[in-house]
Amino acid sequence: MGSVAKKGLQQYMLQLQQHPLRTKAITAGVLSALSDIVSQKLSGIQKLQIKRILLKVLFGFGYLGPFGHYLHILLDKLFKGKKDTTTVAKKVAVEQLTASPWNNLVFMVYYGMVIDGRPWLQVKTKLKKEYPAVQFTSWTFWPVVGWVNHQYMPQQFRVIFHSLIAVGWGIFLNLRARSMALTKG
């Protein structure tokens, strides 16, 4: 590894150790931006929508990073940091039955109302139509990620691992929300 990359990684690890919440929030914000940039390009947007990217950074920094940070602390306290198969299955089940539906709902509301600027009644109608499919798709994908995360990742890396995988999930949600936006009107 090049010396610049190595020093950057060492500095990141130091920040993660000294300021875990802040580092995870910033990381989630940056990765949310990356996800949105890729989504915009894949959906055919020629000129990047900077306001939209900044709103996604705000969502990652202000919500996703902190939520994940505290969720993993809570799960480790509830299950006493155990990593046996039964405990990991329980952690994944709790995560999928609580955090997953909540996070998808919050994202879809945020996207509709804040990013697209649609009124609540329009967002509510779209939620009734689209949310079940998004959540079902989530339950076919995220339990595997959760298993790997809880079984193999040290606690301080779980939000970062989740955020990296969430880049792809964010692209899926963005493209799905974008297709919903194209049908508004």
N, C-alpha and C. Protein backbone atom coordinates (compact mmCIF):
# COMPACT_ATOMS: atom_id res chain seq x y z
N MET A 1 0.86 -1.17 0.00
CA MET A 1 0.00 0.00 0.00
C MET A 1 0.90 1.23 0.00
N GLY A 2 0.55 2.20 -0.85
CA GLY A 2 1.34 3.42 -0.93
C GLY A 2 1.34 4.16 0.39
N SER A 3 2.39 4.93 0.60
CA SER A 3 2.54 5.60 1.90
C SER A 3 1.40 6.60 2.16
N VAL A 4 0.90 7.28 1.13
CA VAL A 4 -0.19 8.23 1.33
C VAL A 4 -1.46 7.48 1.72
N ALA A 5 -1.76 6.40 1.02
CA ALA A 5 -2.94 5.60 1.34
C ALA A 5 -2.82 4.98 2.73
N LYS A 6 -1.64 4.50 3.05
CA LYS A 6 -1.42 3.89 4.36
C LYS A 6 -1.61 4.91 5.47
N LYS A 7 -1.05 6.11 5.28
CA LYS A 7 -1.20 7.16 6.28
C LYS A 7 -2.66 7.59 6.40
N GLY A 8 -3.35 7.66 5.27
CA GLY A 8 -4.77 8.02 5.28
C GLY A 8 -5.59 6.99 6.05
N LEU A 9 -5.31 5.71 5.82
CA LEU A 9 -6.01 4.65 6.53
C LEU A 9 -5.70 4.70 8.02
N GLN A 10 -4.43 4.92 8.36
CA GLN A 10 -4.05 5.03 9.78
C GLN A 10 -4.77 6.20 10.45
N GLN A 11 -4.86 7.33 9.75
CA GLN A 11 -5.54 8.50 10.30
C GLN A 11 -7.03 8.22 10.47
N TYR A 12 -7.60 7.54 9.48
CA TYR A 12 -9.02 7.18 9.58
C TYR A 12 -9.26 6.27 10.78
N MET A 13 -8.42 5.27 10.96
CA MET A 13 -8.57 4.35 12.09
C MET A 13 -8.42 5.08 13.42
N LEU A 14 -7.51 6.04 13.47
CA LEU A 14 -7.33 6.84 14.68
C LEU A 14 -8.59 7.66 14.97
N GLN A 15 -9.15 8.27 13.93
CA GLN A 15 -10.38 9.04 14.09
C GLN A 15 -11.53 8.14 14.52
N LEU A 16 -11.59 6.95 13.95
CA LEU A 16 -12.64 5.99 14.31
C LEU A 16 -12.53 5.60 15.78
N GLN A 17 -11.32 5.46 16.26
CA GLN A 17 -11.10 5.10 17.66
C GLN A 17 -11.39 6.29 18.59
N GLN A 18 -10.93 7.46 18.22
CA GLN A 18 -11.07 8.64 19.10
C GLN A 18 -12.45 9.31 19.00
N HIS A 19 -13.04 9.28 17.82
CA HIS A 19 -14.32 9.95 17.58
C HIS A 19 -15.24 9.04 16.76
N PRO A 20 -15.68 7.93 17.34
CA PRO A 20 -16.43 6.94 16.54
C PRO A 20 -17.72 7.47 15.93
N LEU A 21 -18.52 8.19 16.69
CA LEU A 21 -19.79 8.68 16.16
C LEU A 21 -19.55 9.66 15.01
N ARG A 22 -18.70 10.62 15.22
CA ARG A 22 -18.41 11.62 14.19
C ARG A 22 -17.85 10.96 12.93
N THR A 23 -16.92 10.02 13.10
CA THR A 23 -16.30 9.35 11.95
C THR A 23 -17.32 8.53 11.17
N LYS A 24 -18.18 7.82 11.88
CA LYS A 24 -19.22 7.02 11.21
C LYS A 24 -20.23 7.92 10.51
N ALA A 25 -20.57 9.04 11.12
CA ALA A 25 -21.52 9.98 10.51
C ALA A 25 -20.93 10.57 9.22
N ILE A 26 -19.69 11.00 9.28
CA ILE A 26 -19.03 11.56 8.10
C ILE A 26 -18.92 10.50 7.00
N THR A 27 -18.52 9.30 7.39
CA THR A 27 -18.40 8.21 6.42
C THR A 27 -19.74 7.92 5.76
N ALA A 28 -20.80 7.85 6.56
CA ALA A 28 -22.14 7.59 6.00
C ALA A 28 -22.56 8.72 5.06
N GLY A 29 -22.23 9.95 5.41
CA GLY A 29 -22.55 11.09 4.54
C GLY A 29 -21.82 11.02 3.21
N VAL A 30 -20.53 10.73 3.27
CA VAL A 30 -19.73 10.64 2.04
C VAL A 30 -20.22 9.49 1.17
N LEU A 31 -20.49 8.35 1.79
CA LEU A 31 -20.96 7.20 1.01
C LEU A 31 -22.37 7.42 0.46
N SER A 32 -23.20 8.17 1.17
CA SER A 32 -24.52 8.52 0.64
C SER A 32 -24.38 9.39 -0.60
N ALA A 33 -23.42 10.31 -0.56
CA ALA A 33 -23.16 11.15 -1.73
C ALA A 33 -22.69 10.30 -2.91
N LEU A 34 -21.77 9.40 -2.65
CA LEU A 34 -21.26 8.52 -3.71
C LEU A 34 -22.40 7.71 -4.32
N SER A 35 -23.25 7.17 -3.48
CA SER A 35 -24.39 6.40 -3.94
C SER A 35 -25.30 7.24 -4.83
N ASP A 36 -25.54 8.49 -4.42
CA ASP A 36 -26.43 9.35 -5.19
C ASP A 36 -25.80 9.77 -6.52
N ILE A 37 -24.51 10.03 -6.50
CA ILE A 37 -23.83 10.41 -7.75
C ILE A 37 -23.94 9.27 -8.77
N VAL A 38 -23.68 8.06 -8.31
CA VAL A 38 -23.80 6.90 -9.20
C VAL A 38 -25.25 6.75 -9.68
N SER A 39 -26.21 6.92 -8.76
CA SER A 39 -27.63 6.81 -9.12
C SER A 39 -28.01 7.84 -10.18
N GLN A 40 -27.56 9.06 -9.98
CA GLN A 40 -27.88 10.11 -10.95
C GLN A 40 -27.33 9.76 -12.32
N LYS A 41 -26.12 9.28 -12.36
CA LYS A 41 -25.51 8.94 -13.66
C LYS A 41 -26.23 7.75 -14.30
N LEU A 42 -26.57 6.74 -13.49
CA LEU A 42 -27.28 5.57 -14.03
C LEU A 42 -28.68 5.90 -14.51
N SER A 43 -29.30 6.91 -13.89
CA SER A 43 -30.65 7.27 -14.30
C SER A 43 -30.66 8.27 -15.46
N GLY A 44 -29.48 8.59 -15.98
CA GLY A 44 -29.40 9.42 -17.18
C GLY A 44 -29.34 10.92 -16.93
N ILE A 45 -29.16 11.33 -15.70
CA ILE A 45 -29.05 12.76 -15.40
C ILE A 45 -27.69 13.24 -15.91
N GLN A 46 -27.71 14.22 -16.80
CA GLN A 46 -26.48 14.69 -17.42
C GLN A 46 -25.65 15.57 -16.50
N LYS A 47 -26.30 16.54 -15.86
CA LYS A 47 -25.60 17.45 -14.96
C LYS A 47 -25.98 17.08 -13.52
N LEU A 48 -24.97 16.78 -12.71
CA LEU A 48 -25.24 16.37 -11.34
C LEU A 48 -26.06 17.42 -10.60
N GLN A 49 -27.05 16.94 -9.86
CA GLN A 49 -27.91 17.81 -9.06
C GLN A 49 -27.27 17.97 -7.68
N ILE A 50 -26.53 19.06 -7.52
CA ILE A 50 -25.75 19.29 -6.31
C ILE A 50 -26.63 19.38 -5.06
N LYS A 51 -27.76 20.06 -5.17
CA LYS A 51 -28.66 20.18 -4.01
C LYS A 51 -29.09 18.79 -3.55
N ARG A 52 -29.44 17.94 -4.48
CA ARG A 52 -29.86 16.57 -4.14
C ARG A 52 -28.73 15.81 -3.46
N ILE A 53 -27.51 15.95 -3.98
CA ILE A 53 -26.36 15.27 -3.37
C ILE A 53 -26.16 15.76 -1.94
N LEU A 54 -26.24 17.08 -1.75
CA LEU A 54 -26.06 17.64 -0.41
C LEU A 54 -27.15 17.17 0.55
N LEU A 55 -28.37 17.05 0.05
CA LEU A 55 -29.45 16.53 0.90
C LEU A 55 -29.22 15.07 1.27
N LYS A 56 -28.62 14.31 0.37
CA LYS A 56 -28.27 12.92 0.67
C LYS A 56 -27.12 12.86 1.68
N VAL A 57 -26.15 13.76 1.56
CA VAL A 57 -25.07 13.84 2.54
C VAL A 57 -25.67 14.12 3.92
N LEU A 58 -26.58 15.08 3.97
CA LEU A 58 -27.24 15.43 5.23
C LEU A 58 -27.95 14.21 5.83
N PHE A 59 -28.64 13.45 5.01
CA PHE A 59 -29.34 12.25 5.48
C PHE A 59 -28.35 11.23 6.04
N GLY A 60 -27.27 10.98 5.30
CA GLY A 60 -26.26 10.02 5.77
C GLY A 60 -25.58 10.48 7.05
N PHE A 61 -25.18 11.74 7.07
CA PHE A 61 -24.47 12.30 8.21
C PHE A 61 -25.39 12.46 9.43
N GLY A 62 -26.57 13.00 9.21
CA GLY A 62 -27.45 13.32 10.32
C GLY A 62 -28.30 12.18 10.82
N TYR A 63 -28.51 11.17 9.97
CA TYR A 63 -29.40 10.08 10.37
C TYR A 63 -28.72 8.70 10.29
N LEU A 64 -28.27 8.31 9.09
CA LEU A 64 -27.79 6.94 8.92
C LEU A 64 -26.59 6.59 9.79
N GLY A 65 -25.59 7.44 9.79
CA GLY A 65 -24.39 7.17 10.59
C GLY A 65 -24.70 7.08 12.08
N PRO A 66 -25.35 8.11 12.65
CA PRO A 66 -25.69 8.04 14.08
C PRO A 66 -26.65 6.88 14.43
N PHE A 67 -27.66 6.66 13.60
CA PHE A 67 -28.60 5.58 13.87
C PHE A 67 -27.87 4.24 13.92
N GLY A 68 -27.03 3.99 12.93
CA GLY A 68 -26.27 2.73 12.90
C GLY A 68 -25.32 2.60 14.08
N HIS A 69 -24.67 3.69 14.43
CA HIS A 69 -23.74 3.70 15.57
C HIS A 69 -24.45 3.22 16.83
N TYR A 70 -25.57 3.86 17.13
CA TYR A 70 -26.29 3.53 18.36
C TYR A 70 -27.01 2.18 18.27
N LEU A 71 -27.47 1.82 17.10
CA LEU A 71 -28.13 0.52 16.93
C LEU A 71 -27.16 -0.61 17.28
N HIS A 72 -25.95 -0.55 16.76
CA HIS A 72 -25.00 -1.64 17.02
C HIS A 72 -24.53 -1.67 18.47
N ILE A 73 -24.43 -0.52 19.09
CA ILE A 73 -24.11 -0.49 20.52
C ILE A 73 -25.25 -1.16 21.31
N LEU A 74 -26.49 -0.79 20.97
CA LEU A 74 -27.66 -1.35 21.65
C LEU A 74 -27.74 -2.87 21.45
N LEU A 75 -27.55 -3.34 20.22
CA LEU A 75 -27.62 -4.78 19.96
C LEU A 75 -26.55 -5.53 20.74
N ASP A 76 -25.33 -4.97 20.81
CA ASP A 76 -24.28 -5.63 21.57
C ASP A 76 -24.59 -5.66 23.07
N LYS A 77 -25.23 -4.59 23.57
CA LYS A 77 -25.62 -4.59 24.99
C LYS A 77 -26.73 -5.60 25.25
N LEU A 78 -27.73 -5.62 24.35
CA LEU A 78 -28.84 -6.56 24.52
C LEU A 78 -28.38 -8.02 24.49
N PHE A 79 -27.43 -8.29 23.60
CA PHE A 79 -26.97 -9.67 23.41
C PHE A 79 -25.57 -9.90 23.98
N LYS A 80 -25.14 -8.99 24.83
CA LYS A 80 -23.89 -9.10 25.58
C LYS A 80 -22.66 -9.39 24.71
N GLY A 81 -22.67 -8.87 23.48
CA GLY A 81 -21.51 -8.99 22.60
C GLY A 81 -21.24 -10.39 22.08
N LYS A 82 -22.16 -11.32 22.31
CA LYS A 82 -21.95 -12.71 21.87
C LYS A 82 -22.00 -12.81 20.35
N LYS A 83 -21.28 -13.82 19.82
CA LYS A 83 -21.24 -14.02 18.37
C LYS A 83 -21.56 -15.46 17.98
N ASP A 84 -22.14 -16.23 18.89
CA ASP A 84 -22.52 -17.59 18.53
C ASP A 84 -23.67 -17.55 17.52
N THR A 85 -23.89 -18.64 16.84
CA THR A 85 -24.87 -18.70 15.75
C THR A 85 -26.27 -18.27 16.19
N THR A 86 -26.71 -18.73 17.33
CA THR A 86 -28.05 -18.39 17.81
C THR A 86 -28.17 -16.89 18.09
N THR A 87 -27.15 -16.33 18.73
CA THR A 87 -27.19 -14.90 19.05
C THR A 87 -27.14 -14.05 17.79
N VAL A 88 -26.30 -14.43 16.84
CA VAL A 88 -26.23 -13.67 15.58
C VAL A 88 -27.58 -13.73 14.87
N ALA A 89 -28.22 -14.90 14.87
CA ALA A 89 -29.54 -15.01 14.24
C ALA A 89 -30.55 -14.10 14.94
N LYS A 90 -30.49 -14.01 16.26
CA LYS A 90 -31.39 -13.11 17.00
C LYS A 90 -31.10 -11.65 16.67
N LYS A 91 -29.82 -11.28 16.58
CA LYS A 91 -29.46 -9.90 16.24
C LYS A 91 -29.99 -9.54 14.85
N VAL A 92 -29.81 -10.44 13.91
CA VAL A 92 -30.29 -10.20 12.55
C VAL A 92 -31.81 -10.07 12.54
N ALA A 93 -32.49 -10.95 13.27
CA ALA A 93 -33.95 -10.89 13.32
C ALA A 93 -34.43 -9.57 13.94
N VAL A 94 -33.83 -9.16 15.03
CA VAL A 94 -34.22 -7.89 15.65
C VAL A 94 -33.96 -6.73 14.68
N GLU A 95 -32.81 -6.74 14.07
CA GLU A 95 -32.47 -5.67 13.12
C GLU A 95 -33.45 -5.63 11.96
N GLN A 96 -33.80 -6.80 11.42
CA GLN A 96 -34.67 -6.85 10.25
C GLN A 96 -36.13 -6.54 10.57
N LEU A 97 -36.53 -6.80 11.79
CA LEU A 97 -37.93 -6.54 12.17
C LEU A 97 -38.15 -5.15 12.75
N THR A 98 -37.07 -4.44 13.06
CA THR A 98 -37.20 -3.09 13.63
C THR A 98 -36.50 -2.04 12.76
N ALA A 99 -35.20 -2.11 12.70
CA ALA A 99 -34.42 -1.07 12.01
C ALA A 99 -34.67 -1.06 10.51
N SER A 100 -34.77 -2.22 9.90
CA SER A 100 -34.95 -2.27 8.45
C SER A 100 -36.24 -1.60 7.99
N PRO A 101 -37.40 -1.98 8.54
CA PRO A 101 -38.62 -1.30 8.10
C PRO A 101 -38.59 0.21 8.40
N TRP A 102 -38.07 0.55 9.56
CA TRP A 102 -38.00 1.96 9.95
C TRP A 102 -37.10 2.74 8.99
N ASN A 103 -35.89 2.23 8.73
CA ASN A 103 -34.96 2.95 7.85
C ASN A 103 -35.51 3.11 6.44
N ASN A 104 -36.14 2.09 5.92
CA ASN A 104 -36.70 2.20 4.57
C ASN A 104 -37.84 3.22 4.54
N LEU A 105 -38.67 3.21 5.57
CA LEU A 105 -39.76 4.19 5.65
C LEU A 105 -39.20 5.61 5.75
N VAL A 106 -38.24 5.82 6.64
CA VAL A 106 -37.65 7.15 6.81
C VAL A 106 -37.01 7.62 5.51
N PHE A 107 -36.28 6.73 4.84
CA PHE A 107 -35.64 7.11 3.59
C PHE A 107 -36.68 7.52 2.55
N MET A 108 -37.73 6.72 2.41
CA MET A 108 -38.74 7.02 1.38
C MET A 108 -39.49 8.32 1.68
N VAL A 109 -39.77 8.58 2.94
CA VAL A 109 -40.43 9.84 3.31
C VAL A 109 -39.47 11.01 3.06
N TYR A 110 -38.23 10.87 3.49
CA TYR A 110 -37.23 11.92 3.30
C TYR A 110 -37.04 12.21 1.80
N TYR A 111 -36.91 11.16 1.03
CA TYR A 111 -36.71 11.34 -0.41
C TYR A 111 -37.90 12.06 -1.04
N GLY A 112 -39.09 11.59 -0.71
CA GLY A 112 -40.29 12.18 -1.32
C GLY A 112 -40.52 13.62 -0.90
N MET A 113 -40.42 13.88 0.41
CA MET A 113 -40.76 15.21 0.90
C MET A 113 -39.61 16.21 0.80
N VAL A 114 -38.40 15.79 1.14
CA VAL A 114 -37.27 16.71 1.20
C VAL A 114 -36.56 16.80 -0.15
N ILE A 115 -36.22 15.68 -0.73
CA ILE A 115 -35.45 15.70 -1.97
C ILE A 115 -36.34 16.06 -3.16
N ASP A 116 -37.50 15.40 -3.27
CA ASP A 116 -38.40 15.69 -4.39
C ASP A 116 -39.35 16.84 -4.11
N GLY A 117 -39.52 17.20 -2.84
CA GLY A 117 -40.40 18.31 -2.49
C GLY A 117 -41.88 18.04 -2.71
N ARG A 118 -42.27 16.78 -2.62
CA ARG A 118 -43.68 16.45 -2.80
C ARG A 118 -44.45 16.65 -1.50
N PRO A 119 -45.73 16.95 -1.57
CA PRO A 119 -46.54 17.09 -0.36
C PRO A 119 -46.78 15.72 0.30
N TRP A 120 -47.07 15.76 1.60
CA TRP A 120 -47.26 14.54 2.38
C TRP A 120 -48.30 13.60 1.76
N LEU A 121 -49.42 14.10 1.31
CA LEU A 121 -50.46 13.21 0.77
C LEU A 121 -49.96 12.44 -0.45
N GLN A 122 -49.18 13.08 -1.27
CA GLN A 122 -48.61 12.40 -2.44
C GLN A 122 -47.58 11.35 -2.00
N VAL A 123 -46.75 11.70 -1.02
CA VAL A 123 -45.75 10.76 -0.50
C VAL A 123 -46.46 9.56 0.14
N LYS A 124 -47.49 9.84 0.90
CA LYS A 124 -48.26 8.78 1.57
C LYS A 124 -48.86 7.81 0.55
N THR A 125 -49.40 8.33 -0.53
CA THR A 125 -49.96 7.49 -1.59
C THR A 125 -48.88 6.60 -2.21
N LYS A 126 -47.72 7.21 -2.49
CA LYS A 126 -46.61 6.44 -3.07
C LYS A 126 -46.08 5.40 -2.09
N LEU A 127 -46.06 5.75 -0.80
CA LEU A 127 -45.62 4.78 0.21
C LEU A 127 -46.52 3.56 0.23
N LYS A 128 -47.82 3.79 0.20
CA LYS A 128 -48.76 2.67 0.21
C LYS A 128 -48.53 1.75 -0.98
N LYS A 129 -48.18 2.36 -2.09
CA LYS A 129 -47.97 1.58 -3.32
C LYS A 129 -46.60 0.91 -3.36
N GLU A 130 -45.54 1.62 -2.98
CA GLU A 130 -44.17 1.15 -3.19
C GLU A 130 -43.48 0.53 -1.97
N TYR A 131 -43.86 0.96 -0.77
CA TYR A 131 -43.14 0.51 0.43
C TYR A 131 -43.12 -1.01 0.59
N PRO A 132 -44.24 -1.71 0.44
CA PRO A 132 -44.18 -3.17 0.63
C PRO A 132 -43.14 -3.85 -0.28
N ALA A 133 -43.05 -3.43 -1.52
CA ALA A 133 -42.08 -4.06 -2.43
C ALA A 133 -40.65 -3.73 -2.02
N VAL A 134 -40.42 -2.49 -1.60
CA VAL A 134 -39.08 -2.11 -1.14
C VAL A 134 -38.70 -2.92 0.09
N GLN A 135 -39.62 -3.03 1.04
CA GLN A 135 -39.31 -3.76 2.27
C GLN A 135 -39.11 -5.25 1.99
N PHE A 136 -39.93 -5.82 1.13
CA PHE A 136 -39.75 -7.23 0.79
C PHE A 136 -38.38 -7.45 0.15
N THR A 137 -38.01 -6.59 -0.78
CA THR A 137 -36.70 -6.70 -1.41
C THR A 137 -35.60 -6.56 -0.37
N SER A 138 -35.79 -5.65 0.56
CA SER A 138 -34.83 -5.47 1.65
C SER A 138 -34.64 -6.77 2.43
N TRP A 139 -35.73 -7.44 2.73
CA TRP A 139 -35.66 -8.68 3.49
C TRP A 139 -35.05 -9.84 2.71
N THR A 140 -34.92 -9.70 1.41
CA THR A 140 -34.25 -10.75 0.64
C THR A 140 -32.74 -10.49 0.53
N PHE A 141 -32.32 -9.29 0.90
CA PHE A 141 -30.92 -8.89 0.72
C PHE A 141 -30.20 -8.64 2.05
N TRP A 142 -30.78 -7.81 2.91
CA TRP A 142 -30.08 -7.34 4.12
C TRP A 142 -29.84 -8.39 5.20
N PRO A 143 -30.66 -9.42 5.35
CA PRO A 143 -30.33 -10.41 6.38
C PRO A 143 -28.96 -11.07 6.17
N VAL A 144 -28.59 -11.30 4.92
CA VAL A 144 -27.27 -11.89 4.64
C VAL A 144 -26.17 -10.91 5.05
N VAL A 145 -26.37 -9.64 4.70
CA VAL A 145 -25.39 -8.60 5.08
C VAL A 145 -25.32 -8.51 6.60
N GLY A 146 -26.48 -8.52 7.25
CA GLY A 146 -26.51 -8.46 8.71
C GLY A 146 -25.79 -9.64 9.35
N TRP A 147 -25.96 -10.82 8.77
CA TRP A 147 -25.28 -12.01 9.30
C TRP A 147 -23.77 -11.84 9.23
N VAL A 148 -23.28 -11.47 8.07
CA VAL A 148 -21.84 -11.26 7.91
C VAL A 148 -21.37 -10.17 8.87
N ASN A 149 -22.12 -9.10 8.94
CA ASN A 149 -21.75 -7.97 9.79
C ASN A 149 -21.64 -8.38 11.26
N HIS A 150 -22.66 -9.05 11.77
CA HIS A 150 -22.66 -9.42 13.19
C HIS A 150 -21.73 -10.58 13.50
N GLN A 151 -21.52 -11.45 12.54
CA GLN A 151 -20.69 -12.63 12.78
C GLN A 151 -19.19 -12.32 12.67
N TYR A 152 -18.83 -11.48 11.69
CA TYR A 152 -17.41 -11.33 11.37
C TYR A 152 -16.82 -9.95 11.61
N MET A 153 -17.64 -8.93 11.67
CA MET A 153 -17.11 -7.57 11.81
C MET A 153 -16.99 -7.17 13.27
N PRO A 154 -15.85 -6.60 13.64
CA PRO A 154 -15.76 -6.01 14.98
C PRO A 154 -16.77 -4.86 15.07
N GLN A 155 -17.26 -4.59 16.27
CA GLN A 155 -18.32 -3.59 16.46
C GLN A 155 -17.98 -2.25 15.83
N GLN A 156 -16.74 -1.79 15.95
CA GLN A 156 -16.39 -0.45 15.44
C GLN A 156 -16.44 -0.37 13.91
N PHE A 157 -16.45 -1.51 13.22
CA PHE A 157 -16.49 -1.50 11.75
C PHE A 157 -17.88 -1.82 11.18
N ARG A 158 -18.84 -2.14 12.02
CA ARG A 158 -20.14 -2.57 11.51
C ARG A 158 -20.89 -1.49 10.74
N VAL A 159 -20.89 -0.28 11.25
CA VAL A 159 -21.59 0.80 10.54
C VAL A 159 -20.88 1.07 9.21
N ILE A 160 -19.56 1.03 9.20
CA ILE A 160 -18.80 1.30 7.98
C ILE A 160 -19.06 0.19 6.96
N PHE A 161 -19.01 -1.06 7.39
CA PHE A 161 -19.31 -2.18 6.49
C PHE A 161 -20.72 -2.03 5.93
N HIS A 162 -21.66 -1.77 6.82
CA HIS A 162 -23.06 -1.58 6.42
C HIS A 162 -23.18 -0.42 5.43
N SER A 163 -22.48 0.67 5.70
CA SER A 163 -22.53 1.85 4.82
C SER A 163 -21.95 1.54 3.43
N LEU A 164 -20.89 0.75 3.40
CA LEU A 164 -20.31 0.38 2.10
C LEU A 164 -21.30 -0.45 1.28
N ILE A 165 -21.93 -1.42 1.91
CA ILE A 165 -22.93 -2.23 1.22
C ILE A 165 -24.13 -1.36 0.86
N ALA A 166 -24.44 -0.41 1.73
CA ALA A 166 -25.60 0.47 1.51
C ALA A 166 -25.43 1.37 0.29
N VAL A 167 -24.20 1.53 -0.20
CA VAL A 167 -24.02 2.29 -1.45
C VAL A 167 -24.85 1.63 -2.55
N GLY A 168 -24.72 0.31 -2.68
CA GLY A 168 -25.51 -0.41 -3.69
C GLY A 168 -27.00 -0.37 -3.40
N TRP A 169 -27.37 -0.55 -2.14
CA TRP A 169 -28.78 -0.49 -1.76
C TRP A 169 -29.33 0.91 -2.02
N GLY A 170 -28.53 1.93 -1.71
CA GLY A 170 -28.95 3.31 -1.95
C GLY A 170 -29.18 3.57 -3.43
N ILE A 171 -28.35 2.99 -4.27
CA ILE A 171 -28.55 3.13 -5.71
C ILE A 171 -29.90 2.51 -6.09
N PHE A 172 -30.18 1.32 -5.56
CA PHE A 172 -31.47 0.68 -5.82
C PHE A 172 -32.62 1.57 -5.37
N LEU A 173 -32.56 2.08 -4.11
CA LEU A 173 -33.65 2.92 -3.60
C LEU A 173 -33.78 4.22 -4.38
N ASN A 174 -32.64 4.82 -4.72
CA ASN A 174 -32.68 6.06 -5.49
C ASN A 174 -33.32 5.85 -6.86
N LEU A 175 -32.94 4.78 -7.53
CA LEU A 175 -33.51 4.52 -8.85
C LEU A 175 -35.00 4.19 -8.73
N ARG A 176 -35.36 3.49 -7.66
CA ARG A 176 -36.78 3.18 -7.44
C ARG A 176 -37.56 4.47 -7.12
N ALA A 177 -37.00 5.30 -6.25
CA ALA A 177 -37.65 6.58 -5.92
C ALA A 177 -37.72 7.47 -7.15
N ARG A 178 -36.69 7.44 -7.94
CA ARG A 178 -36.67 8.25 -9.17
C ARG A 178 -37.77 7.80 -10.11
N SER A 179 -37.97 6.49 -10.23
CA SER A 179 -39.04 6.00 -11.11
C SER A 179 -40.40 6.41 -10.55
N MET A 180 -40.51 6.48 -9.21
CA MET A 180 -41.75 6.96 -8.59
C MET A 180 -41.95 8.44 -8.92
N ALA A 181 -40.87 9.21 -8.87
CA ALA A 181 -40.95 10.65 -9.14
C ALA A 181 -41.35 10.91 -10.59
N LEU A 182 -40.88 10.07 -11.49
CA LEU A 182 -41.20 10.26 -12.91
C LEU A 182 -42.67 10.05 -13.18
N THR A 183 -43.33 9.27 -12.29
CA THR A 183 -44.76 9.00 -12.50
C THR A 183 -45.63 10.02 -11.77
N LYS A 184 -45.00 10.92 -10.99
CA LYS A 184 -45.81 11.94 -10.30
C LYS A 184 -46.32 12.95 -11.30
N GLY A 185 -47.37 13.60 -10.90
CA GLY A 185 -47.75 14.69 -11.76
C GLY A 185 -49.06 14.54 -12.32
